[in-house]
């Protein structure tokens, strides 16, 4: 008699536990829950990317300072929000002047040109 009662109670407890576990899993797999989980993961990834970018920027500035010290360059860094004077601004895409070097021929880097 006690064996039957024990096994009946154990089976009922296992059934309740399994039902609760299945219901919990079904709630996790509901569309609303999946959308909330995806949004949380996206926000978390955004925070990680921001932290990574800030770490890269800080380490880049530190390394530039180390290289500047090693090379003996004491170039003052511009304050944030202030631009360099026009004479010191690089003009990579500016117009060519008479003092710039020009070659008598043009070099084409188009690999499909000869084919």
PDB file of N, CA and C in Angstrom:
ATOM      1  N   UNK A   1       0.799  -1.193   0.000  1.00  0.00           N
ATOM      2  CA  UNK A   1       0.000   0.000   0.000  1.00  0.00           C
ATOM      3  C   UNK A   1       0.850   1.268   0.000  1.00  0.00           C
ATOM      4  N   UNK A   2       1.887   1.249   0.867  1.00  0.00           N
ATOM      5  CA  UNK A   2       2.743   2.437   0.917  1.00  0.00           C
ATOM      6  C   UNK A   2       3.567   2.593  -0.359  1.00  0.00           C
ATOM      7  N   UNK A   3       3.918   1.490  -0.986  1.00  0.00           N
ATOM      8  CA  UNK A   3       4.654   1.564  -2.263  1.00  0.00           C
ATOM      9  C   UNK A   3       3.810   2.238  -3.319  1.00  0.00           C
ATOM     10  N   UNK A   4       2.580   1.851  -3.409  1.00  0.00           N
ATOM     11  CA  UNK A   4       1.694   2.462  -4.407  1.00  0.00           C
ATOM     12  C   UNK A   4       1.516   3.955  -4.144  1.00  0.00           C
ATOM     13  N   UNK A   5       1.345   4.314  -2.906  1.00  0.00           N
ATOM     14  CA  UNK A   5       1.177   5.733  -2.553  1.00  0.00           C
ATOM     15  C   UNK A   5       2.439   6.519  -2.899  1.00  0.00           C
ATOM     16  N   UNK A   6       3.611   5.922  -2.584  1.00  0.00           N
ATOM     17  CA  UNK A   6       4.879   6.598  -2.893  1.00  0.00           C
ATOM     18  C   UNK A   6       5.018   6.826  -4.395  1.00  0.00           C
ATOM     19  N   UNK A   7       4.794   5.792  -5.180  1.00  0.00           N
ATOM     20  CA  UNK A   7       4.967   5.911  -6.622  1.00  0.00           C
ATOM     21  C   UNK A   7       3.891   6.807  -7.253  1.00  0.00           C
ATOM     22  N   UNK A   8       2.694   6.796  -6.725  1.00  0.00           N
ATOM     23  CA  UNK A   8       1.656   7.695  -7.215  1.00  0.00           C
ATOM     24  C   UNK A   8       2.053   9.153  -6.945  1.00  0.00           C
ATOM     25  N   UNK A   9       2.549   9.423  -5.745  1.00  0.00           N
ATOM     26  CA  UNK A   9       2.981  10.782  -5.389  1.00  0.00           C
ATOM     27  C   UNK A   9       4.184  11.200  -6.236  1.00  0.00           C
ATOM     28  N   UNK A  10       5.144  10.287  -6.417  1.00  0.00           N
ATOM     29  CA  UNK A  10       6.323  10.604  -7.235  1.00  0.00           C
ATOM     30  C   UNK A  10       5.905  10.888  -8.676  1.00  0.00           C
ATOM     31  N   UNK A  11       4.993  10.125  -9.233  1.00  0.00           N
ATOM     32  CA  UNK A  11       4.514  10.338 -10.599  1.00  0.00           C
ATOM     33  C   UNK A  11       3.759  11.649 -10.741  1.00  0.00           C
ATOM     34  N   UNK A  12       2.934  11.965  -9.743  1.00  0.00           N
ATOM     35  CA  UNK A  12       2.193  13.231  -9.779  1.00  0.00           C
ATOM     36  C   UNK A  12       3.153  14.414  -9.700  1.00  0.00           C
ATOM     37  N   UNK A  13       4.164  14.320  -8.843  1.00  0.00           N
ATOM     38  CA  UNK A  13       5.148  15.399  -8.718  1.00  0.00           C
ATOM     39  C   UNK A  13       5.940  15.559 -10.019  1.00  0.00           C
ATOM     40  N   UNK A  14       6.314  14.434 -10.632  1.00  0.00           N
ATOM     41  CA  UNK A  14       7.041  14.504 -11.908  1.00  0.00           C
ATOM     42  C   UNK A  14       6.162  15.112 -12.995  1.00  0.00           C
ATOM     43  N   UNK A  15       4.883  14.775 -12.996  1.00  0.00           N
ATOM     44  CA  UNK A  15       3.955  15.343 -13.977  1.00  0.00           C
ATOM     45  C   UNK A  15       3.786  16.846 -13.799  1.00  0.00           C
ATOM     46  N   UNK A  16       3.644  17.296 -12.554  1.00  0.00           N
ATOM     47  CA  UNK A  16       3.528  18.741 -12.280  1.00  0.00           C
ATOM     48  C   UNK A  16       4.805  19.453 -12.686  1.00  0.00           C
ATOM     49  N   UNK A  17       5.949  18.872 -12.344  1.00  0.00           N
ATOM     50  CA  UNK A  17       7.241  19.500 -12.700  1.00  0.00           C
ATOM     51  C   UNK A  17       7.390  19.587 -14.222  1.00  0.00           C
ATOM     52  N   UNK A  18       7.084  18.513 -14.932  1.00  0.00           N
ATOM     53  CA  UNK A  18       7.217  18.498 -16.391  1.00  0.00           C
ATOM     54  C   UNK A  18       6.243  19.485 -17.038  1.00  0.00           C
ATOM     55  N   UNK A  19       5.024  19.556 -16.526  1.00  0.00           N
ATOM     56  CA  UNK A  19       4.048  20.495 -17.073  1.00  0.00           C
ATOM     57  C   UNK A  19       4.515  21.936 -16.881  1.00  0.00           C
ATOM     58  N   UNK A  20       5.025  22.238 -15.705  1.00  0.00           N
ATOM     59  CA  UNK A  20       5.514  23.590 -15.433  1.00  0.00           C
ATOM     60  C   UNK A  20       6.690  23.932 -16.351  1.00  0.00           C
ATOM     61  N   UNK A  21       7.582  22.982 -16.537  1.00  0.00           N
ATOM     62  CA  UNK A  21       8.750  23.215 -17.393  1.00  0.00           C
ATOM     63  C   UNK A  21       8.323  23.434 -18.844  1.00  0.00           C
ATOM     64  N   UNK A  22       7.380  22.642 -19.345  1.00  0.00           N
ATOM     65  CA  UNK A  22       6.898  22.789 -20.715  1.00  0.00           C
ATOM     66  C   UNK A  22       6.197  24.135 -20.888  1.00  0.00           C
ATOM     67  N   UNK A  23       5.352  24.515 -19.925  1.00  0.00           N
ATOM     68  CA  UNK A  23       4.666  25.808 -20.017  1.00  0.00           C
ATOM     69  C   UNK A  23       5.658  26.972 -20.003  1.00  0.00           C
ATOM     70  N   UNK A  24       6.704  26.872 -19.186  1.00  0.00           N
ATOM     71  CA  UNK A  24       7.728  27.922 -19.146  1.00  0.00           C
ATOM     72  C   UNK A  24       8.439  28.034 -20.497  1.00  0.00           C
ATOM     73  N   UNK A  25       8.738  26.892 -21.101  1.00  0.00           N
ATOM     74  CA  UNK A  25       9.413  26.889 -22.407  1.00  0.00           C
ATOM     75  C   UNK A  25       8.508  27.439 -23.495  1.00  0.00           C
ATOM     76  N   UNK A  26       7.218  27.118 -23.438  1.00  0.00           N
ATOM     77  CA  UNK A  26       6.272  27.650 -24.414  1.00  0.00           C
ATOM     78  C   UNK A  26       6.156  29.171 -24.310  1.00  0.00           C
ATOM     79  N   UNK A  27       6.188  29.690 -23.089  1.00  0.00           N
ATOM     80  CA  UNK A  27       6.149  31.147 -22.919  1.00  0.00           C
ATOM     81  C   UNK A  27       7.413  31.795 -23.488  1.00  0.00           C
ATOM     82  N   UNK A  28       8.557  31.126 -23.333  1.00  0.00           N
ATOM     83  CA  UNK A  28       9.806  31.657 -23.880  1.00  0.00           C
ATOM     84  C   UNK A  28       9.778  31.669 -25.399  1.00  0.00           C
ATOM     85  N   UNK A  29       9.088  30.735 -26.005  1.00  0.00           N
ATOM     86  CA  UNK A  29       9.055  30.629 -27.458  1.00  0.00           C
ATOM     87  C   UNK A  29       7.890  31.376 -28.088  1.00  0.00           C
ATOM     88  N   UNK A  30       7.120  32.078 -27.296  1.00  0.00           N
ATOM     89  CA  UNK A  30       6.017  32.880 -27.834  1.00  0.00           C
ATOM     90  C   UNK A  30       6.598  34.035 -28.650  1.00  0.00           C
ATOM     91  N   UNK A  31       5.898  34.492 -29.694  1.00  0.00           N
ATOM     92  CA  UNK A  31       6.432  35.570 -30.539  1.00  0.00           C
ATOM     93  C   UNK A  31       6.774  36.844 -29.764  1.00  0.00           C
ATOM     94  N   UNK A  32       5.936  37.211 -28.795  1.00  0.00           N
ATOM     95  CA  UNK A  32       6.210  38.424 -28.025  1.00  0.00           C
ATOM     96  C   UNK A  32       7.502  38.281 -27.218  1.00  0.00           C
ATOM     97  N   UNK A  33       7.674  37.103 -26.631  1.00  0.00           N
ATOM     98  CA  UNK A  33       8.871  36.858 -25.840  1.00  0.00           C
ATOM     99  C   UNK A  33      10.117  36.831 -26.722  1.00  0.00           C
ATOM    100  N   UNK A  34      10.005  36.208 -27.890  1.00  0.00           N
ATOM    101  CA  UNK A  34      11.145  36.165 -28.811  1.00  0.00           C
ATOM    102  C   UNK A  34      11.514  37.568 -29.283  1.00  0.00           C
ATOM    103  N   UNK A  35      10.511  38.413 -29.547  1.00  0.00           N
ATOM    104  CA  UNK A  35      10.781  39.789 -29.976  1.00  0.00           C
ATOM    105  C   UNK A  35      11.473  40.565 -28.863  1.00  0.00           C
ATOM    106  N   UNK A  36      11.015  40.382 -27.634  1.00  0.00           N
ATOM    107  CA  UNK A  36      11.638  41.075 -26.502  1.00  0.00           C
ATOM    108  C   UNK A  36      13.082  40.601 -26.307  1.00  0.00           C
ATOM    109  N   UNK A  37      13.313  39.297 -26.454  1.00  0.00           N
ATOM    110  CA  UNK A  37      14.672  38.775 -26.321  1.00  0.00           C
ATOM    111  C   UNK A  37      15.578  39.325 -27.409  1.00  0.00           C
ATOM    112  N   UNK A  38      15.067  39.400 -28.642  1.00  0.00           N
ATOM    113  CA  UNK A  38      15.864  39.924 -29.744  1.00  0.00           C
ATOM    114  C   UNK A  38      16.188  41.399 -29.516  1.00  0.00           C
ATOM    115  N   UNK A  39      15.227  42.161 -29.030  1.00  0.00           N
ATOM    116  CA  UNK A  39      15.467  43.574 -28.751  1.00  0.00           C
ATOM    117  C   UNK A  39      16.509  43.736 -27.651  1.00  0.00           C
ATOM    118  N   UNK A  40      16.427  42.922 -26.619  1.00  0.00           N
ATOM    119  CA  UNK A  40      17.415  42.985 -25.535  1.00  0.00           C
ATOM    120  C   UNK A  40      18.813  42.645 -26.049  1.00  0.00           C
ATOM    121  N   UNK A  41      18.896  41.631 -26.890  1.00  0.00           N
ATOM    122  CA  UNK A  41      20.201  41.251 -27.454  1.00  0.00           C
ATOM    123  C   UNK A  41      20.755  42.358 -28.342  1.00  0.00           C
ATOM    124  N   UNK A  42      19.882  43.016 -29.109  1.00  0.00           N
ATOM    125  CA  UNK A  42      20.335  44.103 -29.984  1.00  0.00           C
ATOM    126  C   UNK A  42      20.851  45.277 -29.159  1.00  0.00           C
ATOM    127  N   UNK A  43      20.153  45.620 -28.092  1.00  0.00           N
ATOM    128  CA  UNK A  43      20.603  46.712 -27.228  1.00  0.00           C
ATOM    129  C   UNK A  43      21.937  46.350 -26.578  1.00  0.00           C
ATOM    130  N   UNK A  44      22.051  45.118 -26.126  1.00  0.00           N
ATOM    131  CA  UNK A  44      23.297  44.660 -25.510  1.00  0.00           C
ATOM    132  C   UNK A  44      24.459  44.713 -26.510  1.00  0.00           C
ATOM    133  N   UNK A  45      24.200  44.284 -27.743  1.00  0.00           N
ATOM    134  CA  UNK A  45      25.241  44.333 -28.779  1.00  0.00           C
ATOM    135  C   UNK A  45      25.632  45.775 -29.083  1.00  0.00           C
ATOM    136  N   UNK A  46      24.658  46.671 -29.103  1.00  0.00           N
ATOM    137  CA  UNK A  46      24.963  48.080 -29.322  1.00  0.00           C
ATOM    138  C   UNK A  46      25.848  48.644 -28.230  1.00  0.00           C
ATOM    139  N   UNK A  47      25.567  48.288 -26.987  1.00  0.00           N
ATOM    140  CA  UNK A  47      26.395  48.758 -25.877  1.00  0.00           C
ATOM    141  C   UNK A  47      27.812  48.196 -25.982  1.00  0.00           C
ATOM    142  N   UNK A  48      27.913  46.929 -26.368  1.00  0.00           N
ATOM    143  CA  UNK A  48      29.241  46.328 -26.520  1.00  0.00           C
ATOM    144  C   UNK A  48      30.032  47.000 -27.639  1.00  0.00           C
ATOM    145  N   UNK A  49      29.361  47.301 -28.764  1.00  0.00           N
ATOM    146  CA  UNK A  49      30.039  47.982 -29.869  1.00  0.00           C
ATOM    147  C   UNK A  49      30.488  49.380 -29.463  1.00  0.00           C
ATOM    148  N   UNK A  50      29.655  50.082 -28.723  1.00  0.00           N
ATOM    149  CA  UNK A  50      30.019  51.422 -28.262  1.00  0.00           C
ATOM    150  C   UNK A  50      31.227  51.352 -27.324  1.00  0.00           C
ATOM    151  N   UNK A  51      31.205  50.406 -26.391  1.00  0.00           N
ATOM    152  CA  UNK A  51      32.338  50.240 -25.480  1.00  0.00           C
ATOM    153  C   UNK A  51      33.600  49.883 -26.248  1.00  0.00           C
ATOM    154  N   UNK A  52      33.471  49.011 -27.255  1.00  0.00           N
ATOM    155  CA  UNK A  52      34.620  48.638 -28.069  1.00  0.00           C
ATOM    156  C   UNK A  52      35.183  49.849 -28.805  1.00  0.00           C
ATOM    157  N   UNK A  53      34.304  50.659 -29.399  1.00  0.00           N
ATOM    158  CA  UNK A  53      34.758  51.838 -30.132  1.00  0.00           C
ATOM    159  C   UNK A  53      35.449  52.828 -29.198  1.00  0.00           C
ATOM    160  N   UNK A  54      34.922  53.001 -27.997  1.00  0.00           N
ATOM    161  CA  UNK A  54      35.558  53.906 -27.033  1.00  0.00           C
ATOM    162  C   UNK A  54      36.919  53.369 -26.594  1.00  0.00           C
ATOM    163  N   UNK A  55      37.022  52.060 -26.400  1.00  0.00           N
ATOM    164  CA  UNK A  55      38.311  51.462 -26.043  1.00  0.00           C
ATOM    165  C   UNK A  55      39.323  51.634 -27.171  1.00  0.00           C
ATOM    166  N   UNK A  56      38.884  51.415 -28.410  1.00  0.00           N
ATOM    167  CA  UNK A  56      39.783  51.572 -29.554  1.00  0.00           C
ATOM    168  C   UNK A  56      40.267  53.016 -29.637  1.00  0.00           C
ATOM    169  N   UNK A  57      39.359  53.968 -29.478  1.00  0.00           N
ATOM    170  CA  UNK A  57      39.736  55.379 -29.558  1.00  0.00           C
ATOM    171  C   UNK A  57      40.728  55.756 -28.455  1.00  0.00           C
ATOM    172  N   UNK A  58      40.469  55.295 -27.227  1.00  0.00           N
ATOM    173  CA  UNK A  58      41.364  55.612 -26.116  1.00  0.00           C
ATOM    174  C   UNK A  58      42.741  54.988 -26.338  1.00  0.00           C
ATOM    175  N   UNK A  59      42.771  53.724 -26.767  1.00  0.00           N
ATOM    176  CA  UNK A  59      44.060  53.065 -27.015  1.00  0.00           C
ATOM    177  C   UNK A  59      44.790  53.689 -28.201  1.00  0.00           C
ATOM    178  N   UNK A  60      44.039  54.143 -29.208  1.00  0.00           N
ATOM    179  CA  UNK A  60      44.661  54.794 -30.354  1.00  0.00           C
ATOM    180  C   UNK A  60      45.326  56.097 -29.921  1.00  0.00           C
ATOM    181  N   UNK A  61      44.641  56.880 -29.105  1.00  0.00           N
ATOM    182  CA  UNK A  61      45.229  58.134 -28.638  1.00  0.00           C
ATOM    183  C   UNK A  61      46.436  57.874 -27.759  1.00  0.00           C
ATOM    184  N   UNK A  62      46.354  56.840 -26.931  1.00  0.00           N
ATOM    185  CA  UNK A  62      47.487  56.505 -26.077  1.00  0.00           C
ATOM    186  C   UNK A  62      48.684  56.083 -26.924  1.00  0.00           C
ATOM    187  N   UNK A  63      48.451  55.261 -27.925  1.00  0.00           N
ATOM    188  CA  UNK A  63      49.541  54.788 -28.783  1.00  0.00           C
ATOM    189  C   UNK A  63      50.139  55.937 -29.588  1.00  0.00           C
ATOM    190  N   UNK A  64      49.298  56.853 -30.070  1.00  0.00           N
ATOM    191  CA  UNK A  64      49.813  58.013 -30.799  1.00  0.00           C
ATOM    192  C   UNK A  64      50.689  58.864 -29.898  1.00  0.00           C
ATOM    193  N   UNK A  65      50.293  59.014 -28.636  1.00  0.00           N
ATOM    194  CA  UNK A  65      51.118  59.780 -27.699  1.00  0.00           C
ATOM    195  C   UNK A  65      52.448  59.071 -27.448  1.00  0.00           C
ATOM    196  N   UNK A  66      52.401  57.733 -27.318  1.00  0.00           N
ATOM    197  CA  UNK A  66      53.648  56.982 -27.115  1.00  0.00           C
ATOM    198  C   UNK A  66      54.574  57.129 -28.319  1.00  0.00           C
ATOM    199  N   UNK A  67      54.019  57.025 -29.524  1.00  0.00           N
ATOM    200  CA  UNK A  67      54.841  57.169 -30.722  1.00  0.00           C
ATOM    201  C   UNK A  67      55.386  58.586 -30.848  1.00  0.00           C
ATOM    202  N   UNK A  68      54.564  59.562 -30.492  1.00  0.00           N
ATOM    203  CA  UNK A  68      55.024  60.942 -30.527  1.00  0.00           C
ATOM    204  C   UNK A  68      56.185  61.171 -29.576  1.00  0.00           C
ATOM    205  N   UNK A  69      56.111  60.597 -28.386  1.00  0.00           N
ATOM    206  CA  UNK A  69      57.207  60.715 -27.428  1.00  0.00           C
ATOM    207  C   UNK A  69      58.447  59.994 -27.937  1.00  0.00           C
ATOM    208  N   UNK A  70      58.263  58.808 -28.508  1.00  0.00           N
ATOM    209  CA  UNK A  70      59.402  58.027 -28.997  1.00  0.00           C
ATOM    210  C   UNK A  70      60.100  58.731 -30.155  1.00  0.00           C
ATOM    211  N   UNK A  71      59.351  59.420 -31.006  1.00  0.00           N
ATOM    212  CA  UNK A  71      59.926  60.112 -32.153  1.00  0.00           C
ATOM    213  C   UNK A  71      60.337  61.546 -31.832  1.00  0.00           C
ATOM    214  N   UNK A  72      60.016  61.992 -30.642  1.00  0.00           N
ATOM    215  CA  UNK A  72      60.380  63.344 -30.253  1.00  0.00           C
ATOM    216  C   UNK A  72      59.476  64.403 -30.867  1.00  0.00           C
ATOM    217  N   UNK A  73      58.286  64.039 -31.192  1.00  0.00           N
ATOM    218  CA  UNK A  73      57.342  64.988 -31.763  1.00  0.00           C
ATOM    219  C   UNK A  73      56.508  65.586 -30.641  1.00  0.00           C
ATOM    220  N   UNK A  74      56.568  66.884 -30.514  1.00  0.00           N
ATOM    221  CA  UNK A  74      55.757  67.567 -29.517  1.00  0.00           C
ATOM    222  C   UNK A  74      54.735  68.418 -30.226  1.00  0.00           C
ATOM    223  N   UNK A  75      53.860  67.766 -30.972  1.00  0.00           N
ATOM    224  CA  UNK A  75      52.821  68.468 -31.712  1.00  0.00           C
ATOM    225  C   UNK A  75      51.641  68.673 -30.775  1.00  0.00           C
ATOM    226  N   UNK A  76      51.257  69.928 -30.533  1.00  0.00           N
ATOM    227  CA  UNK A  76      50.098  70.140 -29.670  1.00  0.00           C
ATOM    228  C   UNK A  76      48.826  69.673 -30.365  1.00  0.00           C
ATOM    229  N   UNK A  77      48.014  68.965 -29.634  1.00  0.00           N
ATOM    230  CA  UNK A  77      46.759  68.471 -30.175  1.00  0.00           C
ATOM    231  C   UNK A  77      45.728  69.586 -30.155  1.00  0.00           C
ATOM    232  N   UNK A  78      44.947  69.733 -31.216  1.00  0.00           N
ATOM    233  CA  UNK A  78      43.918  70.768 -31.204  1.00  0.00           C
ATOM    234  C   UNK A  78      42.847  70.449 -30.169  1.00  0.00           C
ATOM    235  N   UNK A  79      42.305  71.498 -29.576  1.00  0.00           N
ATOM    236  CA  UNK A  79      41.247  71.309 -28.601  1.00  0.00           C
ATOM    237  C   UNK A  79      39.983  70.844 -29.317  1.00  0.00           C
ATOM    238  N   UNK A  80      39.198  70.027 -28.671  1.00  0.00           N
ATOM    239  CA  UNK A  80      37.960  69.572 -29.315  1.00  0.00           C
ATOM    240  C   UNK A  80      37.059  70.763 -29.656  1.00  0.00           C
ATOM    241  N   UNK A  81      36.528  70.746 -30.850  1.00  0.00           N
ATOM    242  CA  UNK A  81      35.642  71.806 -31.274  1.00  0.00           C
ATOM    243  C   UNK A  81      36.339  72.931 -32.012  1.00  0.00           C
ATOM    244  N   UNK A  82      37.666  72.948 -32.000  1.00  0.00           N
ATOM    245  CA  UNK A  82      38.409  73.997 -32.704  1.00  0.00           C
ATOM    246  C   UNK A  82      39.052  73.394 -33.932  1.00  0.00           C
ATOM    247  N   UNK A  83      39.005  74.117 -35.032  1.00  0.00           N
ATOM    248  CA  UNK A  83      39.608  73.639 -36.273  1.00  0.00           C
ATOM    249  C   UNK A  83      41.010  74.198 -36.408  1.00  0.00           C
ATOM    250  N   UNK A  84      41.787  73.531 -37.250  1.00  0.00           N
ATOM    251  CA  UNK A  84      43.118  74.035 -37.551  1.00  0.00           C
ATOM    252  C   UNK A  84      43.005  75.269 -38.447  1.00  0.00           C
ATOM    253  N   UNK A  85      43.996  76.160 -38.398  1.00  0.00           N
ATOM    254  CA  UNK A  85      43.982  77.301 -39.313  1.00  0.00           C
ATOM    255  C   UNK A  85      44.037  76.809 -40.758  1.00  0.00           C
ATOM    256  N   UNK A  86      43.612  77.641 -41.678  1.00  0.00           N
ATOM    257  CA  UNK A  86      43.526  77.257 -43.085  1.00  0.00           C
ATOM    258  C   UNK A  86      44.884  76.837 -43.646  1.00  0.00           C
ATOM    259  N   UNK A  87      45.973  77.445 -43.196  1.00  0.00           N
ATOM    260  CA  UNK A  87      47.296  77.127 -43.728  1.00  0.00           C
ATOM    261  C   UNK A  87      47.736  75.716 -43.347  1.00  0.00           C
ATOM    262  N   UNK A  88      47.226  75.174 -42.264  1.00  0.00           N
ATOM    263  CA  UNK A  88      47.642  73.855 -41.795  1.00  0.00           C
ATOM    264  C   UNK A  88      46.647  72.768 -42.141  1.00  0.00           C
ATOM    265  N   UNK A  89      45.536  73.117 -42.732  1.00  0.00           N
ATOM    266  CA  UNK A  89      44.529  72.148 -43.083  1.00  0.00           C
ATOM    267  C   UNK A  89      44.987  71.335 -44.287  1.00  0.00           C
ATOM    268  N   UNK A  90      44.932  70.021 -44.249  1.00  0.00           N
ATOM    269  CA  UNK A  90      45.348  69.229 -45.418  1.00  0.00           C
ATOM    270  C   UNK A  90      44.359  69.407 -46.562  1.00  0.00           C
ATOM    271  N   UNK A  91      44.906  69.471 -47.759  1.00  0.00           N
ATOM    272  CA  UNK A  91      44.065  69.633 -48.948  1.00  0.00           C
ATOM    273  C   UNK A  91      44.298  68.444 -49.863  1.00  0.00           C
ATOM    274  N   UNK A  92      43.809  67.297 -49.451  1.00  0.00           N
ATOM    275  CA  UNK A  92      44.032  66.081 -50.226  1.00  0.00           C
ATOM    276  C   UNK A  92      43.308  66.125 -51.562  1.00  0.00           C
ATOM    277  N   UNK A  93      42.133  66.685 -51.604  1.00  0.00           N
ATOM    278  CA  UNK A  93      41.362  66.687 -52.835  1.00  0.00           C
ATOM    279  C   UNK A  93      41.258  68.092 -53.427  1.00  0.00           C
ATOM    280  N   UNK A  94      42.119  68.966 -52.998  1.00  0.00           N
ATOM    281  CA  UNK A  94      42.064  70.350 -53.468  1.00  0.00           C
ATOM    282  C   UNK A  94      42.564  70.477 -54.901  1.00  0.00           C
ATOM    283  N   UNK A  95      42.447  71.683 -55.486  1.00  0.00           N
ATOM    284  CA  UNK A  95      42.893  71.868 -56.868  1.00  0.00           C
ATOM    285  C   UNK A  95      44.412  71.786 -56.971  1.00  0.00           C
ATOM    286  N   UNK A  96      44.887  71.370 -58.131  1.00  0.00           N
ATOM    287  CA  UNK A  96      46.329  71.275 -58.359  1.00  0.00           C
ATOM    288  C   UNK A  96      46.867  72.660 -58.666  1.00  0.00           C
ATOM    289  N   UNK A  97      48.021  72.930 -58.154  1.00  0.00           N
ATOM    290  CA  UNK A  97      48.669  74.216 -58.407  1.00  0.00           C
ATOM    291  C   UNK A  97      49.869  73.992 -59.294  1.00  0.00           C
ATOM    292  N   UNK A  98      50.499  75.079 -59.712  1.00  0.00           N
ATOM    293  CA  UNK A  98      51.659  74.982 -60.597  1.00  0.00           C
ATOM    294  C   UNK A  98      52.851  74.365 -59.880  1.00  0.00           C
ATOM    295  N   UNK A  99      52.903  74.436 -58.578  1.00  0.00           N
ATOM    296  CA  UNK A  99      54.042  73.891 -57.848  1.00  0.00           C
ATOM    297  C   UNK A  99      53.899  72.401 -57.570  1.00  0.00           C
ATOM    298  N   UNK A 100      52.733  71.828 -57.809  1.00  0.00           N
ATOM    299  CA  UNK A 100      52.571  70.400 -57.548  1.00  0.00           C
ATOM    300  C   UNK A 100      53.230  69.596 -58.667  1.00  0.00           C
ATOM    301  N   UNK A 101      53.713  68.413 -58.306  1.00  0.00           N
ATOM    302  CA  UNK A 101      54.387  67.563 -59.293  1.00  0.00           C
ATOM    303  C   UNK A 101      53.381  66.943 -60.233  1.00  0.00           C
ATOM    304  N   UNK A 102      53.659  67.015 -61.483  1.00  0.00           N
ATOM    305  CA  UNK A 102      52.820  66.349 -62.482  1.00  0.00           C
ATOM    306  C   UNK A 102      53.723  65.482 -63.342  1.00  0.00           C
ATOM    307  N   UNK A 103      53.171  64.443 -63.892  1.00  0.00           N
ATOM    308  CA  UNK A 103      53.933  63.559 -64.763  1.00  0.00           C
ATOM    309  C   UNK A 103      53.478  63.788 -66.197  1.00  0.00           C
ATOM    310  N   UNK A 104      54.374  63.557 -67.174  1.00  0.00           N
ATOM    311  CA  UNK A 104      53.995  63.794 -68.558  1.00  0.00           C
ATOM    312  C   UNK A 104      53.002  62.762 -69.078  1.00  0.00           C
ATOM    313  N   UNK A 105      52.815  61.666 -68.390  1.00  0.00           N
ATOM    314  CA  UNK A 105      51.880  60.647 -68.827  1.00  0.00           C
ATOM    315  C   UNK A 105      50.968  60.300 -67.654  1.00  0.00           C
ATOM    316  N   UNK A 106      49.862  59.729 -67.967  1.00  0.00           N
ATOM    317  CA  UNK A 106      48.943  59.340 -66.895  1.00  0.00           C
ATOM    318  C   UNK A 106      49.003  57.821 -66.722  1.00  0.00           C
ATOM    319  N   UNK A 107      48.937  57.390 -65.488  1.00  0.00           N
ATOM    320  CA  UNK A 107      48.970  55.964 -65.172  1.00  0.00           C
ATOM    321  C   UNK A 107      47.552  55.528 -64.887  1.00  0.00           C
ATOM    322  N   UNK A 108      47.117  54.521 -65.620  1.00  0.00           N
ATOM    323  CA  UNK A 108      45.779  54.004 -65.408  1.00  0.00           C
ATOM    324  C   UNK A 108      45.871  52.782 -64.509  1.00  0.00           C
ATOM    325  N   UNK A 109      45.063  52.769 -63.482  1.00  0.00           N
ATOM    326  CA  UNK A 109      45.033  51.626 -62.574  1.00  0.00           C
ATOM    327  C   UNK A 109      43.837  50.733 -62.850  1.00  0.00           C
ATOM    328  N   UNK A 110      43.211  50.906 -63.987  1.00  0.00           N
ATOM    329  CA  UNK A 110      42.069  50.090 -64.361  1.00  0.00           C
ATOM    330  C   UNK A 110      42.583  48.773 -64.938  1.00  0.00           C
ATOM    331  N   UNK A 111      42.346  47.672 -64.223  1.00  0.00           N
ATOM    332  CA  UNK A 111      42.870  46.387 -64.664  1.00  0.00           C
ATOM    333  C   UNK A 111      42.136  45.851 -65.884  1.00  0.00           C
ATOM    334  N   UNK A 112      40.940  46.338 -66.142  1.00  0.00           N
ATOM    335  CA  UNK A 112      40.147  45.855 -67.269  1.00  0.00           C
ATOM    336  C   UNK A 112      40.484  46.605 -68.560  1.00  0.00           C
ATOM    337  N   UNK A 113      41.338  47.585 -68.510  1.00  0.00           N
ATOM    338  CA  UNK A 113      41.608  48.421 -69.664  1.00  0.00           C
ATOM    339  C   UNK A 113      42.345  47.664 -70.768  1.00  0.00           C
ATOM    340  N   UNK A 114      43.247  46.768 -70.411  1.00  0.00           N
ATOM    341  CA  UNK A 114      44.041  46.057 -71.405  1.00  0.00           C
ATOM    342  C   UNK A 114      43.376  44.781 -71.902  1.00  0.00           C
ATOM    343  N   UNK A 115      42.261  44.422 -71.410  1.00  0.00           N
ATOM    344  CA  UNK A 115      41.647  43.141 -71.753  1.00  0.00           C
ATOM    345  C   UNK A 115      40.535  43.291 -72.728  1.00  0.00           C
TER     346      UNK A 115
END
